[in-house]
Amino acid sequence: MFSVVTGGCGFIGSHLVDALIERGDRVLVIDNLSTGAQENIRTHLASRAVELLTADLRDDGWQDRFAGAGRIYHIAADPDVRESAHHPASPLANNLVATARVLEAMRIHEVPEMMFTSTSTVYGDATVIPTPEDYAPLEPISVYGATKLAAEALISAYCHSFEMKAWVYRFANIIGERSGHGVIGDFIQKLRSDPRNLEILGDGRQSKSYLEVHACVDAMLYAAEHADRPLNVLNIGSKDWIDVRSIADIIVQEMGLRDVQYHFTGGERGWVGDVPRMLLSLEKMKELGWRPSVTSRESVVITTRALLGK
């Protein structure tokens, strides 16, 4: 299959590219390299297994490259939930407008399928935990979450209007090698700067689901082979959760540090738009036959060791 991966030089995108090449796809990556890096797909570029088009989805000139594609993996986005409260224009342009442009290019070039990476933040402060896909009302509390929910609505409309098929994945916290932001990298950076003290945003009791990126990619591709509705909306995460203080403990241990003093900024939220409790229901994925291969704690340990170069 000829596959196009937007954001294929980024964290999740590059791991997805690895999996697509392994199964024999011909892959075009479109990335503006604002957060991704060519280094993440260097081996594939060197072997000519992947072609890289450096382009911004907000601009023109890339659309004709969709011609002949069997599926678009739309991974490109502004992933920073925290910054969306301070700079809302970026997720609006990079998440919502860019998705609209991708869908329109698909319609024009008759690309039949899309895979889209959404987020658990579309649920907002859910009162049902674990949270199922049919939870309502969907009231995101961050601009980031709102742009992803709006993009989901556009994808639904295009699927039903233009005979497209899509898989929309609402992710828990996906972590692992090559990740460029998030609590684990933040803690490692802080502790390298000051091995005796660690600032933790909020009260440290925020509890969320984490899933290592290889398990995530496995789930994405598995669901595409086993869910066959015009629009397939599915949660992807781990079966459990872990709190922020426990994450800090793991990182301190893996770094070989002792007597680190934790300093909490206070409040149940670490920042504006932070969802303090998140655990997704995986029943729909389980019905398809998929189950996560790692727990949240195991995912944190794997990621910490990868980022530390162990």
C-alpha atoms as a PDB file:
ATOM      1  CA  MET A   1       0.000   0.000   0.000  1.00  0.00           C
ATOM      2  CA  PHE A   2       1.081   3.587  -0.669  1.00  0.00           C
ATOM      3  CA  SER A   3       0.696   5.334   2.681  1.00  0.00           C
ATOM      4  CA  VAL A   4       1.140   9.001   3.588  1.00  0.00           C
ATOM      5  CA  VAL A   5       2.107   9.899   7.153  1.00  0.00           C
ATOM      6  CA  THR A   6       1.730  13.530   8.178  1.00  0.00           C
ATOM      7  CA  GLY A   7       4.006  14.313  11.089  1.00  0.00           C
ATOM      8  CA  GLY A   8       6.028  11.201  10.321  1.00  0.00           C
ATOM      9  CA  CYS A   9       9.255  12.667  11.711  1.00  0.00           C
ATOM     10  CA  GLY A  10       7.686  13.186  15.122  1.00  0.00           C
ATOM     11  CA  PHE A  11       7.393  10.923  18.141  1.00  0.00           C
ATOM     12  CA  ILE A  12       4.383   8.713  17.385  1.00  0.00           C
ATOM     13  CA  GLY A  13       4.631   9.321  13.648  1.00  0.00           C
ATOM     14  CA  SER A  14       8.172   7.987  13.323  1.00  0.00           C
ATOM     15  CA  HIS A  15       7.327   4.823  15.260  1.00  0.00           C
ATOM     16  CA  LEU A  16       4.329   4.346  12.984  1.00  0.00           C
ATOM     17  CA  VAL A  17       6.600   4.765   9.951  1.00  0.00           C
ATOM     18  CA  ASP A  18       8.843   2.010  11.357  1.00  0.00           C
ATOM     19  CA  ALA A  19       5.847  -0.339  11.552  1.00  0.00           C
ATOM     20  CA  LEU A  20       4.569   0.537   8.063  1.00  0.00           C
ATOM     21  CA  ILE A  21       7.980  -0.094   6.491  1.00  0.00           C
ATOM     22  CA  GLU A  22       8.252  -3.389   8.349  1.00  0.00           C
ATOM     23  CA  ARG A  23       4.982  -4.568   6.830  1.00  0.00           C
ATOM     24  CA  GLY A  24       6.023  -3.481   3.333  1.00  0.00           C
ATOM     25  CA  ASP A  25       4.212  -0.202   2.692  1.00  0.00           C
ATOM     26  CA  ARG A  26       5.574   2.488   0.404  1.00  0.00           C
ATOM     27  CA  VAL A  27       5.633   5.589   2.603  1.00  0.00           C
ATOM     28  CA  LEU A  28       5.630   9.326   1.996  1.00  0.00           C
ATOM     29  CA  VAL A  29       6.212  11.452   5.094  1.00  0.00           C
ATOM     30  CA  ILE A  30       4.992  15.048   5.125  1.00  0.00           C
ATOM     31  CA  ASP A  31       6.433  17.069   8.000  1.00  0.00           C
ATOM     32  CA  ASN A  32       7.337  20.707   8.576  1.00  0.00           C
ATOM     33  CA  LEU A  33      10.029  19.623  11.079  1.00  0.00           C
ATOM     34  CA  SER A  34       8.820  22.123  13.686  1.00  0.00           C
ATOM     35  CA  THR A  35       8.836  19.444  16.387  1.00  0.00           C
ATOM     36  CA  GLY A  36       9.885  16.320  14.476  1.00  0.00           C
ATOM     37  CA  ALA A  37      13.405  15.454  13.351  1.00  0.00           C
ATOM     38  CA  GLN A  38      14.745  13.736  10.241  1.00  0.00           C
ATOM     39  CA  GLU A  39      16.985  11.730  12.567  1.00  0.00           C
ATOM     40  CA  ASN A  40      13.904   9.766  13.685  1.00  0.00           C
ATOM     41  CA  ILE A  41      13.537   8.233  10.200  1.00  0.00           C
ATOM     42  CA  ARG A  42      17.165   8.549   9.076  1.00  0.00           C
ATOM     43  CA  THR A  43      17.613   4.825   8.388  1.00  0.00           C
ATOM     44  CA  HIS A  44      14.527   4.703   6.170  1.00  0.00           C
ATOM     45  CA  LEU A  45      15.599   7.805   4.272  1.00  0.00           C
ATOM     46  CA  ALA A  46      19.060   6.361   3.696  1.00  0.00           C
ATOM     47  CA  SER A  47      17.612   3.128   2.325  1.00  0.00           C
ATOM     48  CA  ARG A  48      15.077   5.065   0.212  1.00  0.00           C
ATOM     49  CA  ALA A  49      12.254   3.124   1.853  1.00  0.00           C
ATOM     50  CA  VAL A  50      10.690   6.471   2.831  1.00  0.00           C
ATOM     51  CA  GLU A  51      10.397   9.743   0.961  1.00  0.00           C
ATOM     52  CA  LEU A  52      10.290  12.952   2.994  1.00  0.00           C
ATOM     53  CA  LEU A  53       8.411  16.018   1.784  1.00  0.00           C
ATOM     54  CA  THR A  54       9.226  18.980   4.001  1.00  0.00           C
ATOM     55  CA  ALA A  55       6.025  21.014   3.937  1.00  0.00           C
ATOM     56  CA  ASP A  56       3.525  22.728   6.217  1.00  0.00           C
ATOM     57  CA  LEU A  57      -0.065  21.513   5.970  1.00  0.00           C
ATOM     58  CA  ARG A  58      -1.239  25.103   6.388  1.00  0.00           C
ATOM     59  CA  ASP A  59       0.459  26.001   3.103  1.00  0.00           C
ATOM     60  CA  ASP A  60      -0.151  24.705  -0.420  1.00  0.00           C
ATOM     61  CA  GLY A  61       1.958  22.502  -2.671  1.00  0.00           C
ATOM     62  CA  TRP A  62       1.673  19.117  -0.953  1.00  0.00           C
ATOM     63  CA  GLN A  63      -1.902  18.186  -1.853  1.00  0.00           C
ATOM     64  CA  ASP A  64      -1.185  16.515  -5.194  1.00  0.00           C
ATOM     65  CA  ARG A  65       1.131  14.056  -3.461  1.00  0.00           C
ATOM     66  CA  PHE A  66      -2.000  12.374  -2.056  1.00  0.00           C
ATOM     67  CA  ALA A  67      -2.796  11.012  -5.516  1.00  0.00           C
ATOM     68  CA  GLY A  68      -2.782   7.202  -5.468  1.00  0.00           C
ATOM     69  CA  ALA A  69      -2.539   6.890  -1.691  1.00  0.00           C
ATOM     70  CA  GLY A  70      -4.493   4.086  -0.037  1.00  0.00           C
ATOM     71  CA  ARG A  71      -4.515   5.618   3.436  1.00  0.00           C
ATOM     72  CA  ILE A  72      -3.521   8.860   5.132  1.00  0.00           C
ATOM     73  CA  TYR A  73      -2.122   8.569   8.643  1.00  0.00           C
ATOM     74  CA  HIS A  74      -2.767  12.067   9.961  1.00  0.00           C
ATOM     75  CA  ILE A  75      -0.462  12.382  12.969  1.00  0.00           C
ATOM     76  CA  ALA A  76       0.761  15.968  12.508  1.00  0.00           C
ATOM     77  CA  ALA A  77      -0.456  18.302  15.253  1.00  0.00           C
ATOM     78  CA  ASP A  78       0.514  20.772  17.914  1.00  0.00           C
ATOM     79  CA  PRO A  79       0.636  18.313  20.834  1.00  0.00           C
ATOM     80  CA  ASP A  80       1.210  20.720  23.729  1.00  0.00           C
ATOM     81  CA  VAL A  81      -1.905  20.747  25.909  1.00  0.00           C
ATOM     82  CA  ARG A  82      -0.397  23.126  28.453  1.00  0.00           C
ATOM     83  CA  GLU A  83       0.720  25.740  25.946  1.00  0.00           C
ATOM     84  CA  SER A  84      -2.687  25.777  24.267  1.00  0.00           C
ATOM     85  CA  ALA A  85      -3.973  27.882  27.182  1.00  0.00           C
ATOM     86  CA  HIS A  86      -1.372  30.548  26.387  1.00  0.00           C
ATOM     87  CA  HIS A  87      -1.136  30.317  22.590  1.00  0.00           C
ATOM     88  CA  PRO A  88      -4.496  29.018  21.311  1.00  0.00           C
ATOM     89  CA  ALA A  89      -3.851  30.089  17.714  1.00  0.00           C
ATOM     90  CA  SER A  90      -1.279  27.332  17.258  1.00  0.00           C
ATOM     91  CA  PRO A  91      -3.512  24.310  17.993  1.00  0.00           C
ATOM     92  CA  LEU A  92      -6.383  25.943  16.124  1.00  0.00           C
ATOM     93  CA  ALA A  93      -4.225  26.202  12.994  1.00  0.00           C
ATOM     94  CA  ASN A  94      -2.140  23.055  13.344  1.00  0.00           C
ATOM     95  CA  ASN A  95      -4.859  20.714  14.643  1.00  0.00           C
ATOM     96  CA  LEU A  96      -8.160  21.924  13.221  1.00  0.00           C
ATOM     97  CA  VAL A  97      -7.352  23.888  10.071  1.00  0.00           C
ATOM     98  CA  ALA A  98      -4.645  21.424   9.034  1.00  0.00           C
ATOM     99  CA  THR A  99      -7.059  18.506   9.445  1.00  0.00           C
ATOM    100  CA  ALA A 100      -9.650  20.264   7.301  1.00  0.00           C
ATOM    101  CA  ARG A 101      -7.036  20.739   4.570  1.00  0.00           C
ATOM    102  CA  VAL A 102      -5.979  17.086   4.765  1.00  0.00           C
ATOM    103  CA  LEU A 103      -9.596  15.952   4.425  1.00  0.00           C
ATOM    104  CA  GLU A 104     -10.175  18.203   1.438  1.00  0.00           C
ATOM    105  CA  ALA A 105      -7.031  16.901  -0.291  1.00  0.00           C
ATOM    106  CA  MET A 106      -8.293  13.368   0.365  1.00  0.00           C
ATOM    107  CA  ARG A 107     -11.663  14.206  -1.188  1.00  0.00           C
ATOM    108  CA  ILE A 108     -10.115  15.751  -4.290  1.00  0.00           C
ATOM    109  CA  HIS A 109      -7.709  12.845  -4.850  1.00  0.00           C
ATOM    110  CA  GLU A 110     -10.219  10.166  -3.785  1.00  0.00           C
ATOM    111  CA  VAL A 111      -8.117   8.747  -0.968  1.00  0.00           C
ATOM    112  CA  PRO A 112     -10.428   6.225   0.717  1.00  0.00           C
ATOM    113  CA  GLU A 113      -9.061   5.930   4.266  1.00  0.00           C
ATOM    114  CA  MET A 114      -7.705   8.023   7.122  1.00  0.00           C
ATOM    115  CA  MET A 115      -6.223   7.222  10.506  1.00  0.00           C
ATOM    116  CA  PHE A 116      -6.377  10.132  12.970  1.00  0.00           C
ATOM    117  CA  THR A 117      -4.734  10.556  16.360  1.00  0.00           C
ATOM    118  CA  SER A 118      -7.144  12.228  18.748  1.00  0.00           C
ATOM    119  CA  THR A 119      -6.917  12.429  22.531  1.00  0.00           C
ATOM    120  CA  SER A 120      -8.509  11.544  25.844  1.00  0.00           C
ATOM    121  CA  THR A 121      -8.793  15.277  26.551  1.00  0.00           C
ATOM    122  CA  VAL A 122     -11.948  15.412  24.388  1.00  0.00           C
ATOM    123  CA  TYR A 123     -13.737  13.933  27.433  1.00  0.00           C
ATOM    124  CA  GLY A 124     -12.805  16.828  29.713  1.00  0.00           C
ATOM    125  CA  ASP A 125     -13.395  16.125  33.405  1.00  0.00           C
ATOM    126  CA  ALA A 126     -15.248  12.864  32.863  1.00  0.00           C
ATOM    127  CA  THR A 127     -17.484  11.690  35.684  1.00  0.00           C
ATOM    128  CA  VAL A 128     -17.441   8.086  34.455  1.00  0.00           C
ATOM    129  CA  ILE A 129     -14.079   6.349  34.923  1.00  0.00           C
ATOM    130  CA  PRO A 130     -12.964   4.259  33.057  1.00  0.00           C
ATOM    131  CA  THR A 131     -14.423   6.499  30.360  1.00  0.00           C
ATOM    132  CA  PRO A 132     -16.098   4.816  27.349  1.00  0.00           C
ATOM    133  CA  GLU A 133     -16.220   6.213  23.821  1.00  0.00           C
ATOM    134  CA  ASP A 134     -19.949   6.995  24.100  1.00  0.00           C
ATOM    135  CA  TYR A 135     -19.478   9.159  27.208  1.00  0.00           C
ATOM    136  CA  ALA A 136     -21.398  12.435  27.076  1.00  0.00           C
ATOM    137  CA  PRO A 137     -21.419  15.341  27.137  1.00  0.00           C
ATOM    138  CA  LEU A 138     -18.000  15.860  25.574  1.00  0.00           C
ATOM    139  CA  GLU A 139     -16.765  19.077  27.200  1.00  0.00           C
ATOM    140  CA  PRO A 140     -12.997  19.514  26.746  1.00  0.00           C
ATOM    141  CA  ILE A 141     -11.380  21.936  29.179  1.00  0.00           C
ATOM    142  CA  SER A 142      -8.335  22.784  27.027  1.00  0.00           C
ATOM    143  CA  VAL A 143      -8.078  24.462  23.629  1.00  0.00           C
ATOM    144  CA  TYR A 144      -6.029  21.477  22.513  1.00  0.00           C
ATOM    145  CA  GLY A 145      -8.837  19.078  23.411  1.00  0.00           C
ATOM    146  CA  ALA A 146     -11.396  21.315  21.726  1.00  0.00           C
ATOM    147  CA  THR A 147      -9.450  21.371  18.451  1.00  0.00           C
ATOM    148  CA  LYS A 148      -9.168  17.583  18.444  1.00  0.00           C
ATOM    149  CA  LEU A 149     -12.896  17.175  19.103  1.00  0.00           C
ATOM    150  CA  ALA A 150     -13.717  19.620  16.312  1.00  0.00           C
ATOM    151  CA  ALA A 151     -11.393  17.694  13.999  1.00  0.00           C
ATOM    152  CA  GLU A 152     -13.232  14.484  14.908  1.00  0.00           C
ATOM    153  CA  ALA A 153     -16.500  16.129  13.862  1.00  0.00           C
ATOM    154  CA  LEU A 154     -15.038  17.137  10.501  1.00  0.00           C
ATOM    155  CA  ILE A 155     -13.745  13.628   9.910  1.00  0.00           C
ATOM    156  CA  SER A 156     -17.178  12.207  10.693  1.00  0.00           C
ATOM    157  CA  ALA A 157     -18.803  14.582   8.212  1.00  0.00           C
ATOM    158  CA  TYR A 158     -16.355  13.732   5.428  1.00  0.00           C
ATOM    159  CA  CYS A 159     -16.726   9.991   6.050  1.00  0.00           C
ATOM    160  CA  HIS A 160     -20.488  10.151   5.740  1.00  0.00           C
ATOM    161  CA  SER A 161     -20.532  12.687   2.907  1.00  0.00           C
ATOM    162  CA  PHE A 162     -17.786  11.369   0.641  1.00  0.00           C
ATOM    163  CA  GLU A 163     -17.664   7.609   1.277  1.00  0.00           C
ATOM    164  CA  MET A 164     -14.423   7.716   3.225  1.00  0.00           C
ATOM    165  CA  LYS A 165     -13.459   5.434   6.095  1.00  0.00           C
ATOM    166  CA  ALA A 166     -11.636   6.606   9.218  1.00  0.00           C
ATOM    167  CA  TRP A 167     -10.191   5.311  12.450  1.00  0.00           C
ATOM    168  CA  VAL A 168     -10.143   7.956  15.169  1.00  0.00           C
ATOM    169  CA  TYR A 169      -8.036   7.036  18.178  1.00  0.00           C
ATOM    170  CA  ARG A 170      -8.526   8.733  21.521  1.00  0.00           C
ATOM    171  CA  PHE A 171      -5.159   8.267  23.175  1.00  0.00           C
ATOM    172  CA  ALA A 172      -4.174   8.097  26.802  1.00  0.00           C
ATOM    173  CA  ASN A 173      -0.700   9.508  27.492  1.00  0.00           C
ATOM    174  CA  ILE A 174       1.548   7.866  24.899  1.00  0.00           C
ATOM    175  CA  ILE A 175       5.179   7.789  25.993  1.00  0.00           C
ATOM    176  CA  GLY A 176       8.440   6.203  24.915  1.00  0.00           C
ATOM    177  CA  GLU A 177      11.680   6.603  23.016  1.00  0.00           C
ATOM    178  CA  ARG A 178      11.886   9.807  20.913  1.00  0.00           C
ATOM    179  CA  SER A 179       9.205  11.594  22.955  1.00  0.00           C
ATOM    180  CA  GLY A 180       9.985  15.293  23.085  1.00  0.00           C
ATOM    181  CA  HIS A 181       7.646  16.572  25.772  1.00  0.00           C
ATOM    182  CA  GLY A 182       5.701  15.383  28.791  1.00  0.00           C
ATOM    183  CA  VAL A 183       6.190  14.794  32.485  1.00  0.00           C
ATOM    184  CA  ILE A 184       8.995  12.210  32.226  1.00  0.00           C
ATOM    185  CA  GLY A 185      11.271  14.334  30.059  1.00  0.00           C
ATOM    186  CA  ASP A 186      10.412  17.372  32.172  1.00  0.00           C
ATOM    187  CA  PHE A 187      11.376  15.611  35.419  1.00  0.00           C
ATOM    188  CA  ILE A 188      14.617  14.250  33.942  1.00  0.00           C
ATOM    189  CA  GLN A 189      15.620  17.724  32.754  1.00  0.00           C
ATOM    190  CA  LYS A 190      14.833  19.294  36.132  1.00  0.00           C
ATOM    191  CA  LEU A 191      16.758  16.636  38.046  1.00  0.00           C
ATOM    192  CA  ARG A 192      19.773  16.964  35.787  1.00  0.00           C
ATOM    193  CA  SER A 193      19.786  20.673  36.567  1.00  0.00           C
ATOM    194  CA  ASP A 194      19.241  20.152  40.302  1.00  0.00           C
ATOM    195  CA  PRO A 195      19.619  16.558  41.585  1.00  0.00           C
ATOM    196  CA  ARG A 196      18.485  17.536  45.092  1.00  0.00           C
ATOM    197  CA  ASN A 197      15.140  19.203  44.343  1.00  0.00           C
ATOM    198  CA  LEU A 198      12.211  18.514  42.025  1.00  0.00           C
ATOM    199  CA  GLU A 199       9.292  20.834  41.348  1.00  0.00           C
ATOM    200  CA  ILE A 200       6.074  18.924  40.711  1.00  0.00           C
ATOM    201  CA  LEU A 201       3.132  20.807  39.243  1.00  0.00           C
ATOM    202  CA  GLY A 202      -0.098  20.383  41.184  1.00  0.00           C
ATOM    203  CA  ASP A 203      -0.381  18.167  44.250  1.00  0.00           C
ATOM    204  CA  GLY A 204       1.277  15.090  42.703  1.00  0.00           C
ATOM    205  CA  ARG A 205      -1.887  13.021  42.990  1.00  0.00           C
ATOM    206  CA  GLN A 206      -2.945  13.468  39.371  1.00  0.00           C
ATOM    207  CA  SER A 207      -3.578   9.913  38.160  1.00  0.00           C
ATOM    208  CA  LYS A 208      -3.559   9.001  34.485  1.00  0.00           C
ATOM    209  CA  SER A 209      -3.120   6.138  32.072  1.00  0.00           C
ATOM    210  CA  TYR A 210       0.199   5.819  30.213  1.00  0.00           C
ATOM    211  CA  LEU A 211       0.992   3.533  27.281  1.00  0.00           C
ATOM    212  CA  GLU A 212       4.382   2.826  25.690  1.00  0.00           C
ATOM    213  CA  VAL A 213       4.494   3.894  22.044  1.00  0.00           C
ATOM    214  CA  HIS A 214       5.168   0.467  20.483  1.00  0.00           C
ATOM    215  CA  ALA A 215       2.034  -0.907  22.144  1.00  0.00           C
ATOM    216  CA  CYS A 216       0.145   2.140  20.886  1.00  0.00           C
ATOM    217  CA  VAL A 217       1.209   1.647  17.270  1.00  0.00           C
ATOM    218  CA  ASP A 218       0.351  -2.035  17.545  1.00  0.00           C
ATOM    219  CA  ALA A 219      -3.156  -1.080  18.694  1.00  0.00           C
ATOM    220  CA  MET A 220      -3.601   1.439  15.870  1.00  0.00           C
ATOM    221  CA  LEU A 221      -2.750  -1.024  13.129  1.00  0.00           C
ATOM    222  CA  TYR A 222      -4.631  -3.871  14.784  1.00  0.00           C
ATOM    223  CA  ALA A 223      -7.840  -1.850  14.985  1.00  0.00           C
ATOM    224  CA  ALA A 224      -7.571  -0.843  11.330  1.00  0.00           C
ATOM    225  CA  GLU A 225      -7.637  -4.527  10.412  1.00  0.00           C
ATOM    226  CA  HIS A 226     -10.520  -5.450  12.717  1.00  0.00           C
ATOM    227  CA  ALA A 227     -12.882  -2.424  12.853  1.00  0.00           C
ATOM    228  CA  ASP A 228     -14.705  -1.818   9.590  1.00  0.00           C
ATOM    229  CA  ARG A 229     -17.342   0.876  10.101  1.00  0.00           C
ATOM    230  CA  PRO A 230     -17.226   4.083   8.042  1.00  0.00           C
ATOM    231  CA  LEU A 231     -16.184   5.862  11.267  1.00  0.00           C
ATOM    232  CA  ASN A 232     -14.413   3.916  14.021  1.00  0.00           C
ATOM    233  CA  VAL A 233     -13.812   5.842  17.261  1.00  0.00           C
ATOM    234  CA  LEU A 234     -11.680   3.894  19.727  1.00  0.00           C
ATOM    235  CA  ASN A 235      -9.876   4.515  22.999  1.00  0.00           C
ATOM    236  CA  ILE A 236      -6.252   3.401  23.195  1.00  0.00           C
ATOM    237  CA  GLY A 237      -4.445   3.270  26.522  1.00  0.00           C
ATOM    238  CA  SER A 238      -3.379   0.984  29.325  1.00  0.00           C
ATOM    239  CA  LYS A 239      -5.688  -0.886  31.675  1.00  0.00           C
ATOM    240  CA  ASP A 240      -4.539   1.049  34.748  1.00  0.00           C
ATOM    241  CA  TRP A 241      -3.148   4.394  35.842  1.00  0.00           C
ATOM    242  CA  ILE A 242      -0.289   5.868  37.845  1.00  0.00           C
ATOM    243  CA  ASP A 243       0.004   9.112  39.821  1.00  0.00           C
ATOM    244  CA  VAL A 244       2.576  11.832  39.214  1.00  0.00           C
ATOM    245  CA  ARG A 245       4.406  11.319  42.511  1.00  0.00           C
ATOM    246  CA  SER A 246       4.958   7.639  41.643  1.00  0.00           C
ATOM    247  CA  ILE A 247       6.362   8.697  38.272  1.00  0.00           C
ATOM    248  CA  ALA A 248       8.788  10.993  40.092  1.00  0.00           C
ATOM    249  CA  ASP A 249       9.827   8.107  42.373  1.00  0.00           C
ATOM    250  CA  ILE A 250      10.562   5.884  39.366  1.00  0.00           C
ATOM    251  CA  ILE A 251      12.677   8.548  37.670  1.00  0.00           C
ATOM    252  CA  VAL A 252      14.632   9.320  40.832  1.00  0.00           C
ATOM    253  CA  GLN A 253      15.370   5.613  41.268  1.00  0.00           C
ATOM    254  CA  GLU A 254      16.366   5.102  37.622  1.00  0.00           C
ATOM    255  CA  MET A 255      18.696   8.117  37.816  1.00  0.00           C
ATOM    256  CA  GLY A 256      20.324   6.691  40.936  1.00  0.00           C
ATOM    257  CA  LEU A 257      19.493   9.736  43.047  1.00  0.00           C
ATOM    258  CA  ARG A 258      18.842   9.876  46.794  1.00  0.00           C
ATOM    259  CA  ASP A 259      17.255  12.338  49.215  1.00  0.00           C
ATOM    260  CA  VAL A 260      15.497  14.322  46.490  1.00  0.00           C
ATOM    261  CA  GLN A 261      13.094  16.885  47.940  1.00  0.00           C
ATOM    262  CA  TYR A 262       9.759  17.201  46.137  1.00  0.00           C
ATOM    263  CA  HIS A 263       8.196  20.656  45.938  1.00  0.00           C
ATOM    264  CA  PHE A 264       4.526  20.754  44.922  1.00  0.00           C
ATOM    265  CA  THR A 265       2.984  23.856  43.385  1.00  0.00           C
ATOM    266  CA  GLY A 266      -0.405  22.831  44.809  1.00  0.00           C
ATOM    267  CA  GLY A 267      -3.913  22.364  43.499  1.00  0.00           C
ATOM    268  CA  GLU A 268      -5.425  19.321  41.847  1.00  0.00           C
ATOM    269  CA  ARG A 269      -4.453  20.529  38.352  1.00  0.00           C
ATOM    270  CA  GLY A 270      -0.887  20.952  37.223  1.00  0.00           C
ATOM    271  CA  TRP A 271      -1.854  23.703  34.776  1.00  0.00           C
ATOM    272  CA  VAL A 272      -4.851  25.284  33.094  1.00  0.00           C
ATOM    273  CA  GLY A 273      -6.573  22.533  31.113  1.00  0.00           C
ATOM    274  CA  ASP A 274      -4.985  19.666  33.039  1.00  0.00           C
ATOM    275  CA  VAL A 275      -7.341  16.726  33.619  1.00  0.00           C
ATOM    276  CA  PRO A 276      -6.331  15.326  37.032  1.00  0.00           C
ATOM    277  CA  ARG A 277      -7.933  11.875  36.631  1.00  0.00           C
ATOM    278  CA  MET A 278      -7.989   9.954  33.361  1.00  0.00           C
ATOM    279  CA  LEU A 279      -8.504   6.278  32.682  1.00  0.00           C
ATOM    280  CA  LEU A 280     -10.048   5.089  29.429  1.00  0.00           C
ATOM    281  CA  SER A 281     -12.374   2.157  28.965  1.00  0.00           C
ATOM    282  CA  LEU A 282     -10.782  -0.358  26.607  1.00  0.00           C
ATOM    283  CA  GLU A 283     -13.866  -2.520  26.154  1.00  0.00           C
ATOM    284  CA  LYS A 284     -14.279  -1.720  22.449  1.00  0.00           C
ATOM    285  CA  MET A 285     -10.647  -2.616  21.728  1.00  0.00           C
ATOM    286  CA  LYS A 286     -10.977  -5.763  23.810  1.00  0.00           C
ATOM    287  CA  GLU A 287     -14.034  -6.772  21.771  1.00  0.00           C
ATOM    288  CA  LEU A 288     -11.814  -6.523  18.683  1.00  0.00           C
ATOM    289  CA  GLY A 289      -9.303  -8.832  20.364  1.00  0.00           C
ATOM    290  CA  TRP A 290      -6.611  -6.331  21.443  1.00  0.00           C
ATOM    291  CA  ARG A 291      -5.248  -5.861  24.950  1.00  0.00           C
ATOM    292  CA  PRO A 292      -2.356  -3.678  26.122  1.00  0.00           C
ATOM    293  CA  SER A 293       0.883  -5.581  26.568  1.00  0.00           C
ATOM    294  CA  VAL A 294       2.262  -3.227  29.237  1.00  0.00           C
ATOM    295  CA  THR A 295       0.931  -1.434  32.307  1.00  0.00           C
ATOM    296  CA  SER A 296       1.226   2.275  33.018  1.00  0.00           C
ATOM    297  CA  ARG A 297       4.100   1.667  35.456  1.00  0.00           C
ATOM    298  CA  GLU A 298       5.944  -0.559  32.977  1.00  0.00           C
ATOM    299  CA  SER A 299       5.461   2.074  30.279  1.00  0.00           C
ATOM    300  CA  VAL A 300       6.957   4.751  32.552  1.00  0.00           C
ATOM    301  CA  VAL A 301       9.973   2.570  33.388  1.00  0.00           C
ATOM    302  CA  ILE A 302      10.608   1.716  29.720  1.00  0.00           C
ATOM    303  CA  THR A 303      10.352   5.353  28.730  1.00  0.00           C
ATOM    304  CA  THR A 304      12.557   6.623  31.543  1.00  0.00           C
ATOM    305  CA  ARG A 305      15.300   4.158  30.629  1.00  0.00           C
ATOM    306  CA  ALA A 306      15.041   5.053  26.943  1.00  0.00           C
ATOM    307  CA  LEU A 307      15.290   8.791  27.611  1.00  0.00           C
ATOM    308  CA  LEU A 308      18.225   8.221  29.958  1.00  0.00           C
ATOM    309  CA  GLY A 309      19.965   6.150  27.272  1.00  0.00           C
ATOM    310  CA  LYS A 310      20.003   2.979  29.333  1.00  0.00           C
END
